[in-house]
Amino acid sequence: MCGNCLLQETALICPMECPKGLRNGPCGGITPEKNCYVDESRKCIWYSIYKQALKSGKEETLLEVLPPLDWDKVGTETWGEVVTLIRKTGTLKFAGSLFSKNKVRKTEIWDSVFKTIRQPDWWKGDSVYHPPAYNEPASEFERRLRSGEFVVATEVSPPVSSVTDKLIADIESVKPYVTAINFTDSSSARPKMSGLACSSVAVGLGAEPILQIASRDTTRAGLQALGIGVNAMGIKNILCITGDNPKVGPEPRGSMNFVDLDSVQMLWILRKMRDESVYLDGRKLKNAPKYFLGAATSPFASDPLLQAIKDQKKVNAGAQFFQTNLIFEPEKLDQWLEELYKRDVLNKVYILIGVAPLKSLKVANYLNSNVPGVVVPDKVLRRLEKAGESAPEEGVQIALEVIDAVRNKQGVNGIHIMTLGWESIVKRLVIESGLDLNPIRPPAP
């Protein structure tokens, strides 16, 4: 199907079975107990890959950053190239490696065949960490995180029309209380004003934006064009996400076929443009762009160990900060953070915990039922139900409790307030939690 077989790195299970076509791990909507939200007749193929790799002791192979499809090869077979490379390596030499007890030598011989195929010269993906190749912070957001400040970011909902009056008012209302403002990229696959346009407005108002780019609507050419263009607009923070599938969006739906890129591949491309001054096709950049790269993560989406492997892969690819999905059970973060610590990841990435003030039981139920990767626990639903007309106040108290619970956790560097259209509450959350005092935190070991 793909013309570039990756089975050596995916526990001999074909990732092309993923309805999203993801080639570097599961999306944030993975739920082991449920079927894929895009194709409800299937279990998540990536969860199967992870479990099989863990069972066979080959989970480290999942860290290799795998390339996007070469559409010239899609629909063609891979094995002719395999035979050619086996002959080049030496047929007897390759056959002998099958029975070799020298694992290092066997790996070298096999990589000369299979890695050559799955990692073409235009990609050259690997499984190691690539620190940023610059010293001075690319943005104020990065500078504050580096300084040890417990940072507050938030989001402002893009308008559904071309009028910017409310957008400007919302940016102005949150700007004094946060370091950076996110603008989503057609979240839930519902068209709104582009994050790029909103970020440009924010820059003009003296606010620092975080531009979210969803691979769902982005081609490899479009991504590289954005990577070059953002600096010209004063945008210095980019968050790479795969994005919600059109399945959760309004009708008539667009194509639900494979995405051109996944979030890991987006990070890899943007990092190489910034740090190695090179386009995907090998052309050199005379003046490389500068930006602070981030990614999304869902700590409770799967087994903490498996989630930590996926997150380590994103960090290796180029993620410098994480914004988590909505968290309502902060006590469950500890196991995920511990797995990241064991994998030597916490000292390489800044983590902002997603917090949302729930305005009503209806909003909570909608998130729980319709937003992939978000789980609102029964205890929270019961509190909102019991609160009745006072549900907005109860939602604020729940958010304040989450902030208080996460602010002293090792490896947590800030919070990301997802307003869900309630931008006016940001001021109160920041002040009542005491985060307007900007406490300085020691860096993770």
Protein backbone atom coordinates (compact mmCIF):
# COMPACT_ATOMS: atom_id res chain seq x y z
CA MET A 1 0.00 0.00 0.00
CA CYS A 2 2.69 2.53 0.98
CA GLY A 3 5.58 1.39 -1.22
CA ASN A 4 7.91 1.85 1.78
CA CYS A 5 7.42 -1.03 4.21
CA LEU A 6 8.01 -0.09 7.85
CA LEU A 7 7.22 -3.44 9.46
CA GLN A 8 10.72 -3.74 10.96
CA GLU A 9 9.92 -0.70 13.13
CA THR A 10 6.27 -1.37 13.88
CA ALA A 11 6.34 -4.81 15.50
CA LEU A 12 5.51 -6.47 12.15
CA ILE A 13 2.05 -4.85 12.19
CA CYS A 14 1.25 -2.58 9.23
CA PRO A 15 0.55 1.04 10.30
CA MET A 16 -1.34 1.61 7.04
CA GLU A 17 -4.32 0.07 8.84
CA CYS A 18 -4.63 3.34 10.78
CA PRO A 19 -7.64 5.21 9.30
CA LYS A 20 -5.71 8.47 9.73
CA GLY A 21 -2.64 7.02 8.06
CA LEU A 22 -0.41 7.92 11.00
CA ARG A 23 3.09 6.46 10.69
CA ASN A 24 4.70 7.59 13.94
CA GLY A 25 2.30 6.50 16.64
CA PRO A 26 -1.31 6.97 17.74
CA CYS A 27 -3.30 10.18 17.73
CA GLY A 28 -4.42 11.88 20.93
CA GLY A 29 -7.82 10.28 20.60
CA ILE A 30 -6.58 6.76 21.35
CA THR A 31 -8.68 4.96 23.94
CA PRO A 32 -7.67 1.32 24.54
CA GLU A 33 -11.15 0.42 25.78
CA LYS A 34 -12.90 1.85 22.70
CA ASN A 35 -12.58 1.45 18.96
CA CYS A 36 -11.04 4.08 16.68
CA TYR A 37 -13.25 7.18 16.60
CA VAL A 38 -12.67 7.56 12.83
CA ASP A 39 -13.60 3.95 11.98
CA GLU A 40 -15.61 2.54 14.85
CA SER A 41 -15.37 -0.99 13.45
CA ARG A 42 -11.65 -1.12 14.34
CA LYS A 43 -9.48 -1.13 17.41
CA CYS A 44 -6.58 1.35 17.37
CA ILE A 45 -3.88 -0.32 15.28
CA TRP A 46 -1.16 1.74 16.97
CA TYR A 47 -2.19 0.50 20.39
CA SER A 48 -1.75 -3.04 19.01
CA ILE A 49 1.67 -2.09 17.63
CA TYR A 50 2.75 -0.65 20.98
CA LYS A 51 1.53 -3.65 22.96
CA GLN A 52 3.21 -6.12 20.60
CA ALA A 53 6.48 -4.17 20.67
CA LEU A 54 6.38 -4.09 24.48
CA LYS A 55 5.66 -7.83 24.62
CA SER A 56 8.61 -8.63 22.36
CA GLY A 57 10.97 -6.21 24.12
CA LYS A 58 11.35 -4.02 21.03
CA GLU A 59 9.61 -0.87 22.23
CA GLU A 60 12.75 1.21 21.57
CA THR A 61 12.34 0.63 17.83
CA LEU A 62 9.20 2.78 18.02
CA LEU A 63 11.34 5.86 18.64
CA GLU A 64 12.64 6.05 15.07
CA VAL A 65 11.09 9.02 13.25
CA LEU A 66 9.53 7.52 10.14
CA PRO A 67 9.04 9.48 6.90
CA PRO A 68 5.81 10.54 5.24
CA LEU A 69 4.63 8.70 2.16
CA ASP A 70 6.49 9.12 -1.10
CA TRP A 71 3.46 9.21 -3.36
CA ASP A 72 5.54 8.13 -6.36
CA LYS A 73 5.95 4.80 -4.59
CA VAL A 74 2.46 4.37 -3.11
CA GLY A 75 0.83 1.27 -4.58
CA THR A 76 4.13 -0.23 -5.66
CA GLU A 77 5.98 -3.11 -4.00
CA THR A 78 9.01 -2.76 -1.72
CA TRP A 79 10.52 -6.19 -2.10
CA GLY A 80 12.28 -5.61 -5.41
CA GLU A 81 14.35 -2.93 -3.69
CA VAL A 82 14.93 -5.30 -0.75
CA VAL A 83 16.33 -7.98 -3.09
CA THR A 84 18.57 -5.43 -4.82
CA LEU A 85 20.02 -4.24 -1.51
CA ILE A 86 20.50 -7.80 -0.21
CA ARG A 87 22.56 -8.54 -3.31
CA LYS A 88 24.52 -5.32 -2.77
CA THR A 89 25.20 -6.27 0.86
CA GLY A 90 25.97 -9.86 -0.11
CA THR A 91 23.35 -12.59 -0.21
CA LEU A 92 25.41 -15.07 1.82
CA LYS A 93 26.39 -12.38 4.29
CA PHE A 94 22.74 -11.39 4.78
CA ALA A 95 21.58 -15.00 5.08
CA GLY A 96 24.30 -15.72 7.62
CA SER A 97 23.15 -12.79 9.76
CA LEU A 98 19.85 -14.62 10.33
CA PHE A 99 21.71 -17.11 12.51
CA SER A 100 24.27 -14.72 14.00
CA LYS A 101 24.50 -14.39 17.78
CA ASN A 102 26.29 -11.05 17.40
CA LYS A 103 23.33 -8.66 17.72
CA VAL A 104 25.35 -5.56 16.83
CA ARG A 105 26.68 -7.11 13.64
CA LYS A 106 23.23 -8.48 12.74
CA THR A 107 21.68 -5.04 13.21
CA GLU A 108 24.31 -3.42 10.99
CA ILE A 109 23.65 -5.90 8.18
CA TRP A 110 19.88 -5.63 8.43
CA ASP A 111 20.01 -1.83 8.58
CA SER A 112 22.09 -1.78 5.41
CA VAL A 113 19.01 -3.22 3.71
CA PHE A 114 15.86 -2.22 5.55
CA LYS A 115 16.89 1.13 7.08
CA THR A 116 18.20 2.25 3.70
CA ILE A 117 14.69 1.69 2.33
CA ARG A 118 12.61 3.14 5.15
CA GLN A 119 14.90 6.16 5.67
CA PRO A 120 15.49 7.70 2.23
CA ASP A 121 18.13 10.39 1.76
CA TRP A 122 15.51 13.16 1.74
CA TRP A 123 14.41 12.17 5.26
CA LYS A 124 17.17 10.42 7.26
CA GLY A 125 15.05 9.94 10.38
CA ASP A 126 16.57 8.47 13.52
CA SER A 127 15.71 7.67 17.13
CA VAL A 128 17.96 10.09 19.03
CA TYR A 129 17.39 13.47 20.67
CA HIS A 130 18.26 16.59 18.68
CA PRO A 131 18.76 19.61 20.97
CA PRO A 132 17.96 23.01 19.45
CA ALA A 133 20.94 24.47 17.61
CA TYR A 134 20.58 27.97 19.07
CA ASN A 135 21.32 29.59 22.42
CA GLU A 136 19.19 32.70 22.82
CA PRO A 137 15.45 32.08 23.39
CA ALA A 138 13.40 32.38 20.23
CA SER A 139 10.47 33.99 22.08
CA GLU A 140 9.44 35.56 25.37
CA PHE A 141 7.46 32.40 26.08
CA GLU A 142 10.64 30.32 25.79
CA ARG A 143 12.67 32.84 27.80
CA ARG A 144 10.28 32.65 30.75
CA LEU A 145 10.21 28.87 30.70
CA ARG A 146 14.00 28.75 30.61
CA SER A 147 14.18 31.12 33.57
CA GLY A 148 12.18 28.69 35.70
CA GLU A 149 9.02 30.76 35.84
CA PHE A 150 5.75 28.84 36.23
CA VAL A 151 4.19 30.02 33.00
CA VAL A 152 0.53 30.60 32.17
CA ALA A 153 -0.68 30.28 28.59
CA THR A 154 -4.25 30.40 27.41
CA GLU A 155 -6.27 30.31 24.23
CA VAL A 156 -8.63 32.74 22.58
CA SER A 157 -11.32 31.26 20.35
CA PRO A 158 -10.99 32.36 16.72
CA PRO A 159 -14.11 34.14 15.43
CA VAL A 160 -16.49 32.42 13.03
CA SER A 161 -16.70 35.54 10.87
CA SER A 162 -14.32 38.15 9.46
CA VAL A 163 -15.19 40.67 12.18
CA THR A 164 -12.36 40.98 14.72
CA ASP A 165 -13.93 43.19 17.40
CA LYS A 166 -14.50 40.35 19.90
CA LEU A 167 -11.17 38.74 19.04
CA ILE A 168 -9.35 41.98 19.84
CA ALA A 169 -11.33 42.46 23.06
CA ASP A 170 -10.60 38.90 24.19
CA ILE A 171 -6.87 39.23 23.45
CA GLU A 172 -6.73 42.51 25.37
CA SER A 173 -8.60 40.97 28.33
CA VAL A 174 -6.21 38.02 28.80
CA LYS A 175 -2.94 39.66 27.72
CA PRO A 176 -1.99 41.08 31.15
CA TYR A 177 -2.35 37.68 32.85
CA VAL A 178 -0.63 35.24 30.49
CA THR A 179 2.67 34.86 28.71
CA ALA A 180 1.32 33.46 25.44
CA ILE A 181 -2.00 33.00 23.67
CA ASN A 182 -2.94 29.96 21.57
CA PHE A 183 -5.11 30.17 18.49
CA THR A 184 -6.58 26.85 17.42
CA ASP A 185 -6.53 25.61 13.83
CA SER A 186 -10.19 24.81 13.08
CA SER A 187 -10.60 22.67 16.20
CA SER A 188 -13.14 19.84 15.92
CA ALA A 189 -12.68 20.22 12.13
CA ARG A 190 -14.99 23.26 12.18
CA PRO A 191 -13.83 26.19 10.02
CA LYS A 192 -13.12 29.45 11.83
CA MET A 193 -10.77 32.37 11.28
CA SER A 194 -7.32 30.93 10.65
CA GLY A 195 -4.86 30.74 13.51
CA LEU A 196 -2.38 32.57 11.31
CA ALA A 197 -4.71 35.57 10.95
CA CYS A 198 -5.49 35.56 14.70
CA SER A 199 -1.79 35.35 15.55
CA SER A 200 -1.10 38.33 13.31
CA VAL A 201 -3.78 40.34 15.13
CA ALA A 202 -2.23 39.35 18.48
CA VAL A 203 1.23 40.48 17.39
CA GLY A 204 -0.24 43.82 16.41
CA LEU A 205 -1.70 44.16 19.92
CA GLY A 206 1.63 43.39 21.60
CA ALA A 207 0.63 39.87 22.68
CA GLU A 208 2.70 36.74 22.05
CA PRO A 209 0.85 34.09 20.03
CA ILE A 210 1.30 30.34 19.82
CA LEU A 211 0.32 29.33 16.30
CA GLN A 212 -1.31 25.92 16.19
CA ILE A 213 -0.89 24.02 12.91
CA ALA A 214 -3.06 20.94 12.33
CA SER A 215 -1.59 18.44 9.89
CA ARG A 216 -5.15 17.51 8.89
CA ASP A 217 -5.24 20.57 6.60
CA THR A 218 -1.51 20.93 5.90
CA THR A 219 0.62 19.56 3.09
CA ARG A 220 4.41 19.27 3.27
CA ALA A 221 4.77 22.22 0.88
CA GLY A 222 2.31 24.31 2.89
CA LEU A 223 4.06 23.52 6.18
CA GLN A 224 7.45 24.64 4.88
CA ALA A 225 5.93 27.82 3.47
CA LEU A 226 4.44 28.55 6.90
CA GLY A 227 7.76 27.80 8.57
CA ILE A 228 9.41 30.47 6.44
CA GLY A 229 6.57 32.98 6.69
CA VAL A 230 5.81 33.08 10.41
CA ASN A 231 8.87 35.12 11.34
CA ALA A 232 7.90 37.81 8.85
CA MET A 233 4.65 38.16 10.82
CA GLY A 234 6.35 38.25 14.23
CA ILE A 235 5.18 34.75 15.21
CA LYS A 236 7.80 32.85 17.22
CA ASN A 237 5.95 29.88 18.77
CA ILE A 238 4.50 26.96 16.80
CA LEU A 239 2.45 24.06 18.16
CA CYS A 240 2.25 21.02 15.87
CA ILE A 241 -0.83 18.81 16.17
CA THR A 242 -2.36 16.12 13.99
CA GLY A 243 -5.82 17.64 14.46
CA ASP A 244 -9.30 16.20 14.78
CA ASN A 245 -10.45 14.08 11.88
CA PRO A 246 -13.31 15.46 9.70
CA LYS A 247 -15.37 12.64 11.24
CA VAL A 248 -16.08 14.91 14.24
CA GLY A 249 -16.76 17.97 12.08
CA PRO A 250 -19.87 19.23 10.34
CA GLU A 251 -21.33 17.86 7.14
CA PRO A 252 -20.61 17.81 4.25
CA ARG A 253 -17.30 16.31 5.32
CA GLY A 254 -14.03 16.54 3.47
CA SER A 255 -11.79 13.60 2.66
CA MET A 256 -11.10 11.32 5.58
CA ASN A 257 -8.18 9.63 3.79
CA PHE A 258 -4.61 9.69 5.05
CA VAL A 259 -3.07 12.97 6.19
CA ASP A 260 -0.01 14.10 4.22
CA LEU A 261 1.98 14.54 7.45
CA ASP A 262 1.58 13.63 11.10
CA SER A 263 2.63 15.84 14.01
CA VAL A 264 5.97 14.04 14.50
CA GLN A 265 6.88 14.57 10.85
CA MET A 266 5.87 18.23 11.10
CA LEU A 267 8.24 18.70 14.05
CA TRP A 268 11.05 16.93 12.18
CA ILE A 269 10.67 19.12 9.09
CA LEU A 270 10.40 22.41 10.99
CA ARG A 271 13.34 21.54 13.27
CA LYS A 272 15.57 20.75 10.29
CA MET A 273 14.56 23.99 8.58
CA ARG A 274 15.47 25.95 11.71
CA ASP A 275 18.56 24.06 12.91
CA GLU A 276 20.02 22.66 9.69
CA SER A 277 18.85 25.35 7.24
CA VAL A 278 17.45 22.79 4.83
CA TYR A 279 14.16 22.19 3.05
CA LEU A 280 12.67 18.71 2.79
CA ASP A 281 13.92 18.41 -0.80
CA GLY A 282 17.49 19.20 0.25
CA ARG A 283 17.65 22.83 -0.82
CA LYS A 284 19.63 25.06 1.52
CA LEU A 285 18.11 28.07 3.29
CA LYS A 286 20.23 31.21 3.25
CA ASN A 287 18.45 32.59 6.31
CA ALA A 288 16.84 29.98 8.54
CA PRO A 289 13.68 30.84 10.51
CA LYS A 290 13.64 31.00 14.32
CA TYR A 291 10.83 29.58 16.41
CA PHE A 292 10.03 27.65 19.60
CA LEU A 293 8.46 24.29 18.74
CA GLY A 294 5.73 22.56 20.71
CA ALA A 295 3.42 19.57 20.53
CA ALA A 296 0.26 18.28 22.17
CA THR A 297 0.06 15.24 24.40
CA SER A 298 -2.68 13.20 26.06
CA PRO A 299 -1.23 11.74 29.29
CA PHE A 300 -4.23 9.49 29.93
CA ALA A 301 -4.83 8.34 26.35
CA SER A 302 -3.08 5.01 26.82
CA ASP A 303 -0.78 3.13 29.17
CA PRO A 304 1.63 5.70 30.74
CA LEU A 305 4.66 3.81 29.44
CA LEU A 306 3.34 3.73 25.89
CA GLN A 307 2.36 7.40 26.04
CA ALA A 308 5.84 8.26 27.32
CA ILE A 309 7.39 6.50 24.31
CA LYS A 310 5.23 8.53 21.92
CA ASP A 311 6.10 11.73 23.78
CA GLN A 312 9.81 10.93 23.77
CA LYS A 313 9.58 10.47 20.01
CA LYS A 314 8.07 13.96 19.67
CA VAL A 315 10.83 15.44 21.81
CA ASN A 316 13.48 13.64 19.77
CA ALA A 317 11.86 15.01 16.61
CA GLY A 318 11.95 18.59 17.84
CA ALA A 319 9.26 19.34 20.46
CA GLN A 320 10.55 21.77 23.10
CA PHE A 321 7.30 22.20 25.00
CA PHE A 322 4.14 20.17 25.53
CA GLN A 323 0.60 21.32 26.09
CA THR A 324 -1.48 18.48 27.48
CA ASN A 325 -5.06 17.66 26.80
CA LEU A 326 -7.61 18.68 29.43
CA ILE A 327 -6.77 17.25 32.85
CA PHE A 328 -9.41 16.73 35.54
CA GLU A 329 -7.60 14.04 37.58
CA PRO A 330 -4.19 15.55 38.38
CA GLU A 331 -3.30 12.70 40.71
CA LYS A 332 -3.08 10.40 37.67
CA LEU A 333 -0.31 12.53 36.12
CA ASP A 334 2.35 11.14 38.43
CA GLN A 335 2.79 7.80 36.70
CA TRP A 336 3.11 9.45 33.27
CA LEU A 337 5.62 12.00 34.60
CA GLU A 338 7.58 9.19 36.23
CA GLU A 339 7.79 7.33 32.91
CA LEU A 340 9.05 10.49 31.20
CA TYR A 341 11.63 10.89 33.96
CA LYS A 342 12.83 7.31 33.52
CA ARG A 343 13.27 7.97 29.81
CA ASP A 344 15.34 11.12 30.51
CA VAL A 345 12.73 13.35 28.87
CA LEU A 346 11.73 15.80 31.62
CA ASN A 347 14.96 17.79 31.34
CA LYS A 348 14.46 18.21 27.58
CA VAL A 349 10.90 19.57 27.38
CA TYR A 350 8.67 22.05 29.21
CA ILE A 351 5.21 20.77 30.14
CA LEU A 352 2.07 22.88 30.45
CA ILE A 353 -0.98 21.14 31.89
CA GLY A 354 -4.31 21.73 30.19
CA VAL A 355 -6.94 23.24 32.51
CA ALA A 356 -10.52 24.21 31.65
CA PRO A 357 -13.25 25.88 33.71
CA LEU A 358 -16.40 23.92 32.88
CA LYS A 359 -19.33 26.29 32.58
CA SER A 360 -22.07 23.67 32.78
CA LEU A 361 -22.87 19.96 32.99
CA LYS A 362 -23.87 20.14 29.31
CA VAL A 363 -20.38 21.32 28.32
CA ALA A 364 -18.79 18.59 30.45
CA ASN A 365 -20.94 15.87 28.89
CA TYR A 366 -20.17 17.15 25.40
CA LEU A 367 -16.42 17.05 26.04
CA ASN A 368 -16.68 13.59 27.54
CA SER A 369 -18.71 12.16 24.66
CA ASN A 370 -17.51 14.03 21.58
CA VAL A 371 -13.93 15.22 21.99
CA PRO A 372 -11.40 12.41 21.34
CA GLY A 373 -8.88 11.99 24.14
CA VAL A 374 -10.82 14.00 26.76
CA VAL A 375 -12.23 12.18 29.79
CA VAL A 376 -14.35 14.02 32.35
CA PRO A 377 -14.53 11.68 35.38
CA ASP A 378 -17.82 10.82 37.05
CA LYS A 379 -16.87 12.69 40.22
CA VAL A 380 -16.60 15.94 38.24
CA LEU A 381 -19.88 15.29 36.41
CA ARG A 382 -21.61 14.65 39.74
CA ARG A 383 -20.27 17.89 41.23
CA LEU A 384 -21.56 19.91 38.29
CA GLU A 385 -24.93 18.17 38.38
CA LYS A 386 -25.29 18.77 42.09
CA ALA A 387 -24.33 22.44 41.67
CA GLY A 388 -27.29 23.09 39.35
CA GLU A 389 -27.47 26.79 38.47
CA SER A 390 -24.20 27.34 40.31
CA ALA A 391 -22.37 25.03 37.90
CA PRO A 392 -20.17 27.86 36.48
CA GLU A 393 -18.84 28.63 39.95
CA GLU A 394 -18.29 24.93 40.65
CA GLY A 395 -16.42 24.65 37.35
CA VAL A 396 -14.11 27.49 38.40
CA GLN A 397 -13.43 25.81 41.75
CA ILE A 398 -12.60 22.52 40.00
CA ALA A 399 -10.16 24.35 37.73
CA LEU A 400 -8.52 26.07 40.71
CA GLU A 401 -8.14 22.71 42.45
CA VAL A 402 -6.43 21.25 39.37
CA ILE A 403 -4.04 24.23 39.18
CA ASP A 404 -3.18 23.88 42.85
CA ALA A 405 -2.57 20.15 42.46
CA VAL A 406 -0.23 20.41 39.46
CA ARG A 407 1.81 23.52 40.21
CA ASN A 408 4.32 21.74 42.45
CA LYS A 409 4.69 18.53 40.48
CA GLN A 410 8.21 17.80 39.28
CA GLY A 411 8.42 18.28 35.55
CA VAL A 412 5.38 20.58 35.30
CA ASN A 413 6.36 24.04 34.11
CA GLY A 414 3.04 25.81 33.73
CA ILE A 415 -0.60 25.58 32.78
CA HIS A 416 -2.51 26.11 29.57
CA ILE A 417 -5.99 27.48 30.26
CA MET A 418 -8.43 26.27 27.62
CA THR A 419 -11.21 28.80 27.87
CA LEU A 420 -13.85 26.99 25.78
CA GLY A 421 -15.11 30.43 24.80
CA TRP A 422 -15.02 31.78 28.38
CA GLU A 423 -12.06 34.14 28.01
CA SER A 424 -13.31 36.50 30.72
CA ILE A 425 -12.56 33.89 33.41
CA VAL A 426 -8.79 33.86 32.77
CA LYS A 427 -8.13 36.89 34.97
CA ARG A 428 -9.92 35.35 37.93
CA LEU A 429 -8.23 31.95 37.58
CA VAL A 430 -4.78 33.51 37.43
CA ILE A 431 -5.32 35.87 40.35
CA GLU A 432 -7.13 33.44 42.67
CA SER A 433 -4.53 30.74 42.03
CA GLY A 434 -1.77 33.22 42.86
CA LEU A 435 -0.07 32.72 39.50
CA ASP A 436 -0.03 36.45 38.82
CA LEU A 437 2.96 36.50 41.21
CA ASN A 438 5.01 34.53 38.64
CA PRO A 439 6.82 32.16 41.03
CA ILE A 440 10.27 30.97 39.95
CA ARG A 441 10.69 27.19 39.77
CA PRO A 442 13.96 25.23 39.78
CA PRO A 443 14.45 23.28 36.53
CA ALA A 444 13.78 19.53 36.50
CA PRO A 445 16.93 17.44 37.11
